[in-house]
Amino acid sequence: MKATHLTVAFLGFSILISPRLSSAAQSAPPPDVPALLQKLVASGEAQRGQIMDQLHQIQDPNLIVPPVLAALDTVDPQDAWKLLDVLAPFSHLARPEPLIRLARRYVHVPSTIETQLATIGAPARTALLKAIADACTTWKPLPTKDLPSNDGPDGEVEDDPQAVRPQPFMEWAARTLASISSSGLDDLIQMLRSRDACRINVARAGLISYVLNSQPPADPRIVRALSAALNAPDPIVQAAAVQIVEPVIGYQYAKLTPGLTKSLFSILKTHPDAETRSRALSLLLQASGDTPKKAAEIASHDPDGRVQDLAANFLEELSAR
């Protein structure tokens, strides 16, 4: 009997205290994630692992994602990778705008951001397009009608580099747009066709980067777009297309087709910019058959001395063979 009384008493005591224990557990304060993030950013190698362990125990994305995104707006870019590591398991739930704002503060944007934007998907594409549009509002057009006369795809003007090329952030946004989404490549092609000088330059930079970071052959959409752009009525579109064609042909991502050749001949004869005519000539000199000779003979009468010299040197070498 005594054992029975003890058992009943114990059960009664358990019933009395169980709700209190459950209530106490439920009322435990949630972890202070912002404070942990601050410690993480300031931590060294020894402490960082311990703090990350605490953060990894928090499985609720509602407790992790908002404070991480908020912290990205103020973190030193050199320490941002620590926050990006925390965000990684929840990237698909993140908003793209804080990541894009962080990218704007970098000189060289880490690939982690591009990967996380790709995980976000369609909203990232929309946010990148808006970021490009916003950046174009402060982009300065060329100071003269002439396009840059340099040897690379990105023009340079000593007084104001921004006057010729998109800002580095805009180039990154264009590259990322194409790399994270097939529709993003279509967006760049659409920009190339636009009548806006900033968007044309952004498209040029983005498409060149996309080509050089992909495996040959070039995406058929790019080849079709270039064929159309070389025949566009706008000389700025034509000039941008010639600059994109250079790496496409030069690095053998595509062949110089009869259609492209015909368009380049037209640009060589009529384009108002000497540098663009020179680029068209250089491409035609890479063709097979008698195309190089025909192009050089036309260019030998060009009003610009540099184009004449390029043609004369080729014809001289040709006669010496």
C-alpha atoms as a PDB file:
ATOM      1  CA  MET A   1       0.000   0.000   0.000  1.00  0.00           C
ATOM      2  CA  LYS A   2       2.755   2.394   0.797  1.00  0.00           C
ATOM      3  CA  ALA A   3       4.336   1.781  -2.653  1.00  0.00           C
ATOM      4  CA  THR A   4       0.999   2.429  -4.314  1.00  0.00           C
ATOM      5  CA  HIS A   5       0.552   5.667  -2.390  1.00  0.00           C
ATOM      6  CA  LEU A   6       4.054   6.761  -3.408  1.00  0.00           C
ATOM      7  CA  THR A   7       3.381   6.005  -7.077  1.00  0.00           C
ATOM      8  CA  VAL A   8       0.129   7.958  -7.048  1.00  0.00           C
ATOM      9  CA  ALA A   9       1.796  10.831  -5.282  1.00  0.00           C
ATOM     10  CA  PHE A  10       4.647  10.881  -7.822  1.00  0.00           C
ATOM     11  CA  LEU A  11       2.241  10.857 -10.770  1.00  0.00           C
ATOM     12  CA  GLY A  12       0.250  13.652  -9.241  1.00  0.00           C
ATOM     13  CA  PHE A  13       3.372  15.702  -8.705  1.00  0.00           C
ATOM     14  CA  SER A  14       4.441  15.090 -12.351  1.00  0.00           C
ATOM     15  CA  ILE A  15       1.075  16.240 -13.639  1.00  0.00           C
ATOM     16  CA  LEU A  16       1.315  19.394 -11.551  1.00  0.00           C
ATOM     17  CA  ILE A  17       4.801  20.406 -12.701  1.00  0.00           C
ATOM     18  CA  SER A  18       4.683  19.271 -16.378  1.00  0.00           C
ATOM     19  CA  PRO A  19       2.591  22.211 -17.633  1.00  0.00           C
ATOM     20  CA  ARG A  20       4.868  24.583 -15.754  1.00  0.00           C
ATOM     21  CA  LEU A  21       7.980  23.094 -17.346  1.00  0.00           C
ATOM     22  CA  SER A  22       6.357  23.169 -20.815  1.00  0.00           C
ATOM     23  CA  SER A  23       5.262  26.741 -20.280  1.00  0.00           C
ATOM     24  CA  ALA A  24       8.722  27.724 -19.155  1.00  0.00           C
ATOM     25  CA  ALA A  25      10.279  26.090 -22.218  1.00  0.00           C
ATOM     26  CA  GLN A  26       7.860  27.856 -24.557  1.00  0.00           C
ATOM     27  CA  SER A  27       8.496  31.201 -22.930  1.00  0.00           C
ATOM     28  CA  ALA A  28      12.273  30.971 -23.414  1.00  0.00           C
ATOM     29  CA  PRO A  29      13.412  34.094 -25.298  1.00  0.00           C
ATOM     30  CA  PRO A  30      14.427  33.578 -28.944  1.00  0.00           C
ATOM     31  CA  PRO A  31      18.140  33.836 -29.708  1.00  0.00           C
ATOM     32  CA  ASP A  32      19.461  37.331 -30.311  1.00  0.00           C
ATOM     33  CA  VAL A  33      20.475  36.809 -33.935  1.00  0.00           C
ATOM     34  CA  PRO A  34      21.525  40.426 -34.636  1.00  0.00           C
ATOM     35  CA  ALA A  35      23.897  40.283 -31.671  1.00  0.00           C
ATOM     36  CA  LEU A  36      25.313  36.977 -32.863  1.00  0.00           C
ATOM     37  CA  LEU A  37      25.824  38.436 -36.334  1.00  0.00           C
ATOM     38  CA  GLN A  38      27.696  41.403 -34.900  1.00  0.00           C
ATOM     39  CA  LYS A  39      29.957  39.046 -32.970  1.00  0.00           C
ATOM     40  CA  LEU A  40      30.450  36.951 -36.095  1.00  0.00           C
ATOM     41  CA  VAL A  41      31.532  39.913 -38.211  1.00  0.00           C
ATOM     42  CA  ALA A  42      33.994  41.029 -35.531  1.00  0.00           C
ATOM     43  CA  SER A  43      35.241  37.530 -34.751  1.00  0.00           C
ATOM     44  CA  GLY A  44      38.548  35.968 -35.598  1.00  0.00           C
ATOM     45  CA  GLU A  45      39.194  32.446 -36.785  1.00  0.00           C
ATOM     46  CA  ALA A  46      39.011  30.893 -33.302  1.00  0.00           C
ATOM     47  CA  GLN A  47      35.660  32.392 -32.296  1.00  0.00           C
ATOM     48  CA  ARG A  48      33.939  32.248 -35.674  1.00  0.00           C
ATOM     49  CA  GLY A  49      33.382  28.492 -35.604  1.00  0.00           C
ATOM     50  CA  GLN A  50      31.631  28.638 -32.235  1.00  0.00           C
ATOM     51  CA  ILE A  51      29.343  31.462 -33.327  1.00  0.00           C
ATOM     52  CA  MET A  52      28.518  29.693 -36.585  1.00  0.00           C
ATOM     53  CA  ASP A  53      27.577  26.591 -34.602  1.00  0.00           C
ATOM     54  CA  GLN A  54      25.095  28.649 -32.594  1.00  0.00           C
ATOM     55  CA  LEU A  55      23.632  30.152 -35.759  1.00  0.00           C
ATOM     56  CA  HIS A  56      23.377  26.765 -37.469  1.00  0.00           C
ATOM     57  CA  GLN A  57      21.226  25.517 -34.592  1.00  0.00           C
ATOM     58  CA  ILE A  58      18.622  28.127 -35.509  1.00  0.00           C
ATOM     59  CA  GLN A  59      16.552  26.413 -38.183  1.00  0.00           C
ATOM     60  CA  ASP A  60      13.862  29.073 -38.482  1.00  0.00           C
ATOM     61  CA  PRO A  61      14.588  31.206 -41.604  1.00  0.00           C
ATOM     62  CA  ASN A  62      12.346  33.940 -40.214  1.00  0.00           C
ATOM     63  CA  LEU A  63      14.877  34.428 -37.436  1.00  0.00           C
ATOM     64  CA  ILE A  64      17.934  34.274 -39.730  1.00  0.00           C
ATOM     65  CA  VAL A  65      17.145  35.850 -43.102  1.00  0.00           C
ATOM     66  CA  PRO A  66      15.804  39.321 -42.151  1.00  0.00           C
ATOM     67  CA  PRO A  67      18.653  40.281 -39.783  1.00  0.00           C
ATOM     68  CA  VAL A  68      21.305  38.971 -42.199  1.00  0.00           C
ATOM     69  CA  LEU A  69      19.853  40.997 -45.061  1.00  0.00           C
ATOM     70  CA  ALA A  70      19.705  44.064 -42.835  1.00  0.00           C
ATOM     71  CA  ALA A  71      23.310  43.579 -41.773  1.00  0.00           C
ATOM     72  CA  LEU A  72      24.493  43.379 -45.397  1.00  0.00           C
ATOM     73  CA  ASP A  73      23.700  47.070 -45.866  1.00  0.00           C
ATOM     74  CA  THR A  74      26.239  48.168 -43.258  1.00  0.00           C
ATOM     75  CA  VAL A  75      28.879  45.431 -43.177  1.00  0.00           C
ATOM     76  CA  ASP A  76      32.369  46.129 -44.473  1.00  0.00           C
ATOM     77  CA  PRO A  77      32.609  44.283 -47.825  1.00  0.00           C
ATOM     78  CA  GLN A  78      35.770  42.591 -46.568  1.00  0.00           C
ATOM     79  CA  ASP A  79      33.729  40.895 -43.828  1.00  0.00           C
ATOM     80  CA  ALA A  80      30.544  40.345 -45.811  1.00  0.00           C
ATOM     81  CA  TRP A  81      31.477  36.780 -46.706  1.00  0.00           C
ATOM     82  CA  LYS A  82      30.811  35.767 -43.107  1.00  0.00           C
ATOM     83  CA  LEU A  83      27.205  36.922 -43.407  1.00  0.00           C
ATOM     84  CA  LEU A  84      26.853  35.372 -46.850  1.00  0.00           C
ATOM     85  CA  ASP A  85      27.879  32.031 -45.335  1.00  0.00           C
ATOM     86  CA  VAL A  86      25.098  32.333 -42.777  1.00  0.00           C
ATOM     87  CA  LEU A  87      22.601  33.182 -45.506  1.00  0.00           C
ATOM     88  CA  ALA A  88      23.678  30.348 -47.841  1.00  0.00           C
ATOM     89  CA  PRO A  89      21.247  27.648 -46.570  1.00  0.00           C
ATOM     90  CA  PHE A  90      18.364  30.108 -46.890  1.00  0.00           C
ATOM     91  CA  SER A  91      19.385  31.856 -50.137  1.00  0.00           C
ATOM     92  CA  HIS A  92      16.170  30.834 -51.895  1.00  0.00           C
ATOM     93  CA  LEU A  93      14.202  32.798 -49.276  1.00  0.00           C
ATOM     94  CA  ALA A  94      16.283  35.986 -49.503  1.00  0.00           C
ATOM     95  CA  ARG A  95      15.362  39.217 -51.215  1.00  0.00           C
ATOM     96  CA  PRO A  96      17.807  40.072 -54.022  1.00  0.00           C
ATOM     97  CA  GLU A  97      17.994  43.837 -53.414  1.00  0.00           C
ATOM     98  CA  PRO A  98      20.314  43.736 -50.349  1.00  0.00           C
ATOM     99  CA  LEU A  99      22.669  41.400 -52.194  1.00  0.00           C
ATOM    100  CA  ILE A 100      22.748  43.738 -55.194  1.00  0.00           C
ATOM    101  CA  ARG A 101      23.349  46.775 -52.982  1.00  0.00           C
ATOM    102  CA  LEU A 102      26.242  44.911 -51.377  1.00  0.00           C
ATOM    103  CA  ALA A 103      27.636  44.055 -54.818  1.00  0.00           C
ATOM    104  CA  ARG A 104      27.622  47.738 -55.685  1.00  0.00           C
ATOM    105  CA  ARG A 105      30.055  48.408 -52.821  1.00  0.00           C
ATOM    106  CA  TYR A 106      32.594  45.847 -54.027  1.00  0.00           C
ATOM    107  CA  VAL A 107      35.494  46.474 -56.384  1.00  0.00           C
ATOM    108  CA  HIS A 108      35.513  42.786 -57.331  1.00  0.00           C
ATOM    109  CA  VAL A 109      32.202  41.130 -56.492  1.00  0.00           C
ATOM    110  CA  PRO A 110      32.597  37.610 -55.018  1.00  0.00           C
ATOM    111  CA  SER A 111      31.011  34.768 -56.964  1.00  0.00           C
ATOM    112  CA  THR A 112      29.012  33.849 -53.845  1.00  0.00           C
ATOM    113  CA  ILE A 113      26.607  36.707 -54.532  1.00  0.00           C
ATOM    114  CA  GLU A 114      26.045  35.579 -58.106  1.00  0.00           C
ATOM    115  CA  THR A 115      25.380  32.040 -56.892  1.00  0.00           C
ATOM    116  CA  GLN A 116      22.868  33.217 -54.318  1.00  0.00           C
ATOM    117  CA  LEU A 117      21.103  35.441 -56.859  1.00  0.00           C
ATOM    118  CA  ALA A 118      20.829  32.437 -59.180  1.00  0.00           C
ATOM    119  CA  THR A 119      19.213  30.509 -56.318  1.00  0.00           C
ATOM    120  CA  ILE A 120      16.667  33.297 -55.826  1.00  0.00           C
ATOM    121  CA  GLY A 121      15.641  33.018 -59.477  1.00  0.00           C
ATOM    122  CA  ALA A 122      13.200  35.300 -61.282  1.00  0.00           C
ATOM    123  CA  PRO A 123      13.070  38.026 -58.595  1.00  0.00           C
ATOM    124  CA  ALA A 124      16.850  38.417 -58.932  1.00  0.00           C
ATOM    125  CA  ARG A 125      16.520  39.020 -62.663  1.00  0.00           C
ATOM    126  CA  THR A 126      13.891  41.701 -62.055  1.00  0.00           C
ATOM    127  CA  ALA A 127      16.036  43.366 -59.389  1.00  0.00           C
ATOM    128  CA  LEU A 128      19.134  43.363 -61.633  1.00  0.00           C
ATOM    129  CA  LEU A 129      17.202  44.977 -64.470  1.00  0.00           C
ATOM    130  CA  LYS A 130      16.008  47.690 -62.106  1.00  0.00           C
ATOM    131  CA  ALA A 131      19.536  48.217 -60.774  1.00  0.00           C
ATOM    132  CA  ILE A 132      20.838  48.668 -64.323  1.00  0.00           C
ATOM    133  CA  ALA A 133      18.036  51.102 -65.145  1.00  0.00           C
ATOM    134  CA  ASP A 134      18.728  53.102 -61.985  1.00  0.00           C
ATOM    135  CA  ALA A 135      22.468  53.210 -62.695  1.00  0.00           C
ATOM    136  CA  CYS A 136      21.830  54.412 -66.247  1.00  0.00           C
ATOM    137  CA  THR A 137      20.201  57.555 -64.887  1.00  0.00           C
ATOM    138  CA  THR A 138      23.636  58.829 -63.762  1.00  0.00           C
ATOM    139  CA  TRP A 139      25.686  57.395 -66.630  1.00  0.00           C
ATOM    140  CA  LYS A 140      27.216  60.040 -68.874  1.00  0.00           C
ATOM    141  CA  PRO A 141      27.097  59.743 -72.669  1.00  0.00           C
ATOM    142  CA  LEU A 142      30.109  60.096 -74.894  1.00  0.00           C
ATOM    143  CA  PRO A 143      31.493  63.639 -74.967  1.00  0.00           C
ATOM    144  CA  THR A 144      31.710  63.491 -78.768  1.00  0.00           C
ATOM    145  CA  LYS A 145      30.016  61.557 -81.521  1.00  0.00           C
ATOM    146  CA  ASP A 146      33.043  59.277 -81.793  1.00  0.00           C
ATOM    147  CA  LEU A 147      33.197  56.004 -79.951  1.00  0.00           C
ATOM    148  CA  PRO A 148      36.271  55.024 -77.934  1.00  0.00           C
ATOM    149  CA  SER A 149      39.408  54.358 -79.969  1.00  0.00           C
ATOM    150  CA  ASN A 150      41.149  51.799 -77.797  1.00  0.00           C
ATOM    151  CA  ASP A 151      42.219  48.222 -78.455  1.00  0.00           C
ATOM    152  CA  GLY A 152      39.939  46.592 -75.876  1.00  0.00           C
ATOM    153  CA  PRO A 153      36.180  46.211 -75.540  1.00  0.00           C
ATOM    154  CA  ASP A 154      35.969  48.841 -72.794  1.00  0.00           C
ATOM    155  CA  GLY A 155      36.625  52.382 -73.923  1.00  0.00           C
ATOM    156  CA  GLU A 156      38.667  54.844 -71.930  1.00  0.00           C
ATOM    157  CA  VAL A 157      38.617  58.612 -71.819  1.00  0.00           C
ATOM    158  CA  GLU A 158      41.218  60.241 -69.598  1.00  0.00           C
ATOM    159  CA  ASP A 159      38.964  63.052 -68.406  1.00  0.00           C
ATOM    160  CA  ASP A 160      35.967  60.900 -67.543  1.00  0.00           C
ATOM    161  CA  PRO A 161      36.071  57.102 -67.852  1.00  0.00           C
ATOM    162  CA  GLN A 162      32.378  56.887 -66.980  1.00  0.00           C
ATOM    163  CA  ALA A 163      31.583  58.812 -70.145  1.00  0.00           C
ATOM    164  CA  VAL A 164      32.467  55.834 -72.316  1.00  0.00           C
ATOM    165  CA  ARG A 165      31.990  52.607 -70.447  1.00  0.00           C
ATOM    166  CA  PRO A 166      29.311  51.448 -68.055  1.00  0.00           C
ATOM    167  CA  GLN A 167      30.224  51.626 -64.415  1.00  0.00           C
ATOM    168  CA  PRO A 168      31.942  48.447 -63.160  1.00  0.00           C
ATOM    169  CA  PHE A 169      28.835  47.645 -61.148  1.00  0.00           C
ATOM    170  CA  MET A 170      26.682  47.862 -64.271  1.00  0.00           C
ATOM    171  CA  GLU A 171      29.020  45.524 -66.111  1.00  0.00           C
ATOM    172  CA  TRP A 172      28.819  43.069 -63.217  1.00  0.00           C
ATOM    173  CA  ALA A 173      25.020  43.329 -63.192  1.00  0.00           C
ATOM    174  CA  ALA A 174      24.935  42.658 -66.946  1.00  0.00           C
ATOM    175  CA  ARG A 175      27.220  39.631 -66.638  1.00  0.00           C
ATOM    176  CA  THR A 176      25.218  38.266 -63.722  1.00  0.00           C
ATOM    177  CA  LEU A 177      21.925  38.855 -65.498  1.00  0.00           C
ATOM    178  CA  ALA A 178      22.989  36.610 -68.371  1.00  0.00           C
ATOM    179  CA  SER A 179      24.664  33.976 -66.213  1.00  0.00           C
ATOM    180  CA  ILE A 180      21.787  33.337 -63.795  1.00  0.00           C
ATOM    181  CA  SER A 181      18.949  33.173 -66.284  1.00  0.00           C
ATOM    182  CA  SER A 182      18.349  32.273 -69.911  1.00  0.00           C
ATOM    183  CA  SER A 183      15.843  35.115 -69.976  1.00  0.00           C
ATOM    184  CA  GLY A 184      18.617  37.407 -68.749  1.00  0.00           C
ATOM    185  CA  LEU A 185      20.529  36.774 -71.982  1.00  0.00           C
ATOM    186  CA  ASP A 186      17.407  37.784 -73.891  1.00  0.00           C
ATOM    187  CA  ASP A 187      17.286  40.958 -71.783  1.00  0.00           C
ATOM    188  CA  LEU A 188      20.829  41.880 -72.847  1.00  0.00           C
ATOM    189  CA  ILE A 189      19.984  41.250 -76.490  1.00  0.00           C
ATOM    190  CA  GLN A 190      16.960  43.498 -76.113  1.00  0.00           C
ATOM    191  CA  MET A 191      19.169  46.215 -74.588  1.00  0.00           C
ATOM    192  CA  LEU A 192      21.499  45.966 -77.574  1.00  0.00           C
ATOM    193  CA  ARG A 193      18.568  46.779 -79.833  1.00  0.00           C
ATOM    194  CA  SER A 194      17.483  49.754 -77.740  1.00  0.00           C
ATOM    195  CA  ARG A 195      17.952  53.399 -78.658  1.00  0.00           C
ATOM    196  CA  ASP A 196      19.524  54.182 -75.292  1.00  0.00           C
ATOM    197  CA  ALA A 197      23.319  54.615 -75.328  1.00  0.00           C
ATOM    198  CA  CYS A 198      23.746  53.446 -71.735  1.00  0.00           C
ATOM    199  CA  ARG A 199      21.793  50.231 -72.208  1.00  0.00           C
ATOM    200  CA  ILE A 200      23.611  49.542 -75.470  1.00  0.00           C
ATOM    201  CA  ASN A 201      26.949  49.835 -73.667  1.00  0.00           C
ATOM    202  CA  VAL A 202      25.719  47.646 -70.812  1.00  0.00           C
ATOM    203  CA  ALA A 203      24.592  45.031 -73.334  1.00  0.00           C
ATOM    204  CA  ARG A 204      27.948  45.181 -75.088  1.00  0.00           C
ATOM    205  CA  ALA A 205      29.878  44.588 -71.870  1.00  0.00           C
ATOM    206  CA  GLY A 206      27.507  41.860 -70.693  1.00  0.00           C
ATOM    207  CA  LEU A 207      27.429  39.958 -73.980  1.00  0.00           C
ATOM    208  CA  ILE A 208      31.213  40.055 -74.396  1.00  0.00           C
ATOM    209  CA  SER A 209      31.655  38.711 -70.870  1.00  0.00           C
ATOM    210  CA  TYR A 210      28.984  36.058 -71.421  1.00  0.00           C
ATOM    211  CA  VAL A 211      30.682  34.833 -74.595  1.00  0.00           C
ATOM    212  CA  LEU A 212      34.166  34.744 -73.090  1.00  0.00           C
ATOM    213  CA  ASN A 213      32.944  32.843 -70.015  1.00  0.00           C
ATOM    214  CA  SER A 214      31.006  30.217 -71.945  1.00  0.00           C
ATOM    215  CA  GLN A 215      32.029  27.271 -74.051  1.00  0.00           C
ATOM    216  CA  PRO A 216      32.025  27.554 -77.851  1.00  0.00           C
ATOM    217  CA  PRO A 217      30.063  27.678 -79.999  1.00  0.00           C
ATOM    218  CA  ALA A 218      28.298  30.922 -79.170  1.00  0.00           C
ATOM    219  CA  ASP A 219      24.623  30.788 -78.275  1.00  0.00           C
ATOM    220  CA  PRO A 220      22.639  31.008 -81.563  1.00  0.00           C
ATOM    221  CA  ARG A 221      20.593  33.824 -80.068  1.00  0.00           C
ATOM    222  CA  ILE A 222      23.735  35.951 -79.815  1.00  0.00           C
ATOM    223  CA  VAL A 223      24.764  35.244 -83.415  1.00  0.00           C
ATOM    224  CA  ARG A 224      21.286  36.150 -84.679  1.00  0.00           C
ATOM    225  CA  ALA A 225      21.234  39.311 -82.564  1.00  0.00           C
ATOM    226  CA  LEU A 226      24.644  40.391 -83.853  1.00  0.00           C
ATOM    227  CA  SER A 227      23.603  39.837 -87.444  1.00  0.00           C
ATOM    228  CA  ALA A 228      20.610  42.108 -86.891  1.00  0.00           C
ATOM    229  CA  ALA A 229      22.573  44.707 -84.910  1.00  0.00           C
ATOM    230  CA  LEU A 230      25.249  45.039 -87.604  1.00  0.00           C
ATOM    231  CA  ASN A 231      22.463  46.093 -89.967  1.00  0.00           C
ATOM    232  CA  ALA A 232      20.727  48.414 -87.511  1.00  0.00           C
ATOM    233  CA  PRO A 233      20.135  51.994 -88.648  1.00  0.00           C
ATOM    234  CA  ASP A 234      21.697  53.352 -85.447  1.00  0.00           C
ATOM    235  CA  PRO A 235      25.517  53.648 -85.792  1.00  0.00           C
ATOM    236  CA  ILE A 236      25.911  53.240 -82.007  1.00  0.00           C
ATOM    237  CA  VAL A 237      24.205  49.847 -82.182  1.00  0.00           C
ATOM    238  CA  GLN A 238      26.394  48.899 -85.149  1.00  0.00           C
ATOM    239  CA  ALA A 239      29.562  49.927 -83.309  1.00  0.00           C
ATOM    240  CA  ALA A 240      28.606  47.925 -80.217  1.00  0.00           C
ATOM    241  CA  ALA A 241      27.828  44.903 -82.384  1.00  0.00           C
ATOM    242  CA  VAL A 242      31.235  45.106 -84.084  1.00  0.00           C
ATOM    243  CA  GLN A 243      32.936  45.122 -80.679  1.00  0.00           C
ATOM    244  CA  ILE A 244      30.993  42.007 -79.659  1.00  0.00           C
ATOM    245  CA  VAL A 245      31.723  40.268 -82.951  1.00  0.00           C
ATOM    246  CA  GLU A 246      35.482  40.714 -82.373  1.00  0.00           C
ATOM    247  CA  PRO A 247      35.804  38.129 -79.550  1.00  0.00           C
ATOM    248  CA  VAL A 248      33.071  35.928 -81.032  1.00  0.00           C
ATOM    249  CA  ILE A 249      35.098  35.524 -84.236  1.00  0.00           C
ATOM    250  CA  GLY A 250      38.568  36.039 -82.784  1.00  0.00           C
ATOM    251  CA  TYR A 251      38.166  33.282 -80.198  1.00  0.00           C
ATOM    252  CA  GLN A 252      36.321  31.043 -82.661  1.00  0.00           C
ATOM    253  CA  TYR A 253      32.949  31.022 -80.926  1.00  0.00           C
ATOM    254  CA  ALA A 254      31.396  31.430 -84.375  1.00  0.00           C
ATOM    255  CA  LYS A 255      32.481  31.636 -88.000  1.00  0.00           C
ATOM    256  CA  LEU A 256      32.442  34.719 -90.173  1.00  0.00           C
ATOM    257  CA  THR A 257      29.350  33.880 -92.214  1.00  0.00           C
ATOM    258  CA  PRO A 258      28.493  35.447 -95.584  1.00  0.00           C
ATOM    259  CA  GLY A 259      25.804  37.492 -93.841  1.00  0.00           C
ATOM    260  CA  LEU A 260      28.213  38.871 -91.249  1.00  0.00           C
ATOM    261  CA  THR A 261      30.795  39.545 -93.953  1.00  0.00           C
ATOM    262  CA  LYS A 262      28.307  41.533 -96.025  1.00  0.00           C
ATOM    263  CA  SER A 263      27.331  43.620 -92.997  1.00  0.00           C
ATOM    264  CA  LEU A 264      30.972  44.319 -92.104  1.00  0.00           C
ATOM    265  CA  PHE A 265      31.657  45.489 -95.652  1.00  0.00           C
ATOM    266  CA  SER A 266      28.751  47.898 -95.349  1.00  0.00           C
ATOM    267  CA  ILE A 267      30.111  49.242 -92.051  1.00  0.00           C
ATOM    268  CA  LEU A 268      33.605  49.551 -93.545  1.00  0.00           C
ATOM    269  CA  LYS A 269      32.212  51.700 -96.354  1.00  0.00           C
ATOM    270  CA  THR A 270      29.674  53.868 -94.538  1.00  0.00           C
ATOM    271  CA  HIS A 271      30.060  53.962 -90.750  1.00  0.00           C
ATOM    272  CA  PRO A 272      30.797  57.494 -89.477  1.00  0.00           C
ATOM    273  CA  ASP A 273      33.262  56.354 -86.794  1.00  0.00           C
ATOM    274  CA  ALA A 274      36.820  55.602 -87.928  1.00  0.00           C
ATOM    275  CA  GLU A 275      37.505  53.218 -85.051  1.00  0.00           C
ATOM    276  CA  THR A 276      34.470  51.142 -85.935  1.00  0.00           C
ATOM    277  CA  ARG A 277      35.540  51.023 -89.583  1.00  0.00           C
ATOM    278  CA  SER A 278      38.995  49.924 -88.428  1.00  0.00           C
ATOM    279  CA  ARG A 279      37.502  47.132 -86.322  1.00  0.00           C
ATOM    280  CA  ALA A 280      35.356  45.998 -89.256  1.00  0.00           C
ATOM    281  CA  LEU A 281      38.445  45.936 -91.470  1.00  0.00           C
ATOM    282  CA  SER A 282      40.393  43.875 -88.940  1.00  0.00           C
ATOM    283  CA  LEU A 283      37.596  41.307 -88.858  1.00  0.00           C
ATOM    284  CA  LEU A 284      37.381  41.140 -92.655  1.00  0.00           C
ATOM    285  CA  LEU A 285      41.122  40.607 -92.880  1.00  0.00           C
ATOM    286  CA  GLN A 286      40.584  37.361 -90.934  1.00  0.00           C
ATOM    287  CA  ALA A 287      38.193  35.988 -93.550  1.00  0.00           C
ATOM    288  CA  SER A 288      39.079  33.361 -96.107  1.00  0.00           C
ATOM    289  CA  GLY A 289      39.338  33.673 -99.878  1.00  0.00           C
ATOM    290  CA  ASP A 290      39.703  37.056-101.531  1.00  0.00           C
ATOM    291  CA  THR A 291      37.616  38.865 -98.909  1.00  0.00           C
ATOM    292  CA  PRO A 292      40.663  40.311 -97.067  1.00  0.00           C
ATOM    293  CA  LYS A 293      42.117  41.768-100.273  1.00  0.00           C
ATOM    294  CA  LYS A 294      38.793  43.337-101.295  1.00  0.00           C
ATOM    295  CA  ALA A 295      38.380  44.847 -97.820  1.00  0.00           C
ATOM    296  CA  ALA A 296      41.918  46.256 -97.814  1.00  0.00           C
ATOM    297  CA  GLU A 297      41.459  47.801-101.256  1.00  0.00           C
ATOM    298  CA  ILE A 298      38.284  49.550-100.071  1.00  0.00           C
ATOM    299  CA  ALA A 299      39.954  50.699 -96.847  1.00  0.00           C
ATOM    300  CA  SER A 300      42.959  52.079 -98.728  1.00  0.00           C
ATOM    301  CA  HIS A 301      40.668  54.978 -99.747  1.00  0.00           C
ATOM    302  CA  ASP A 302      39.295  55.538 -96.237  1.00  0.00           C
ATOM    303  CA  PRO A 303      39.323  59.189 -95.066  1.00  0.00           C
ATOM    304  CA  ASP A 304      41.085  58.187 -91.829  1.00  0.00           C
ATOM    305  CA  GLY A 305      44.842  57.711 -91.981  1.00  0.00           C
ATOM    306  CA  ARG A 306      44.874  54.897 -89.436  1.00  0.00           C
ATOM    307  CA  VAL A 307      42.465  52.814 -91.507  1.00  0.00           C
ATOM    308  CA  GLN A 308      44.500  53.551 -94.647  1.00  0.00           C
ATOM    309  CA  ASP A 309      47.698  52.436 -92.901  1.00  0.00           C
ATOM    310  CA  LEU A 310      46.123  49.163 -91.751  1.00  0.00           C
ATOM    311  CA  ALA A 311      44.988  48.438 -95.298  1.00  0.00           C
ATOM    312  CA  ALA A 312      48.322  49.442 -96.835  1.00  0.00           C
ATOM    313  CA  ASN A 313      50.296  47.216 -94.472  1.00  0.00           C
ATOM    314  CA  PHE A 314      48.104  44.237 -95.325  1.00  0.00           C
ATOM    315  CA  LEU A 315      48.373  44.813 -99.084  1.00  0.00           C
ATOM    316  CA  GLU A 316      52.127  45.209 -98.789  1.00  0.00           C
ATOM    317  CA  GLU A 317      52.449  41.929 -96.902  1.00  0.00           C
ATOM    318  CA  LEU A 318      50.141  40.252 -99.398  1.00  0.00           C
ATOM    319  CA  SER A 319      52.247  41.348-102.378  1.00  0.00           C
ATOM    320  CA  ALA A 320      55.416  40.095-100.685  1.00  0.00           C
ATOM    321  CA  ARG A 321      54.119  36.535-100.326  1.00  0.00           C
END
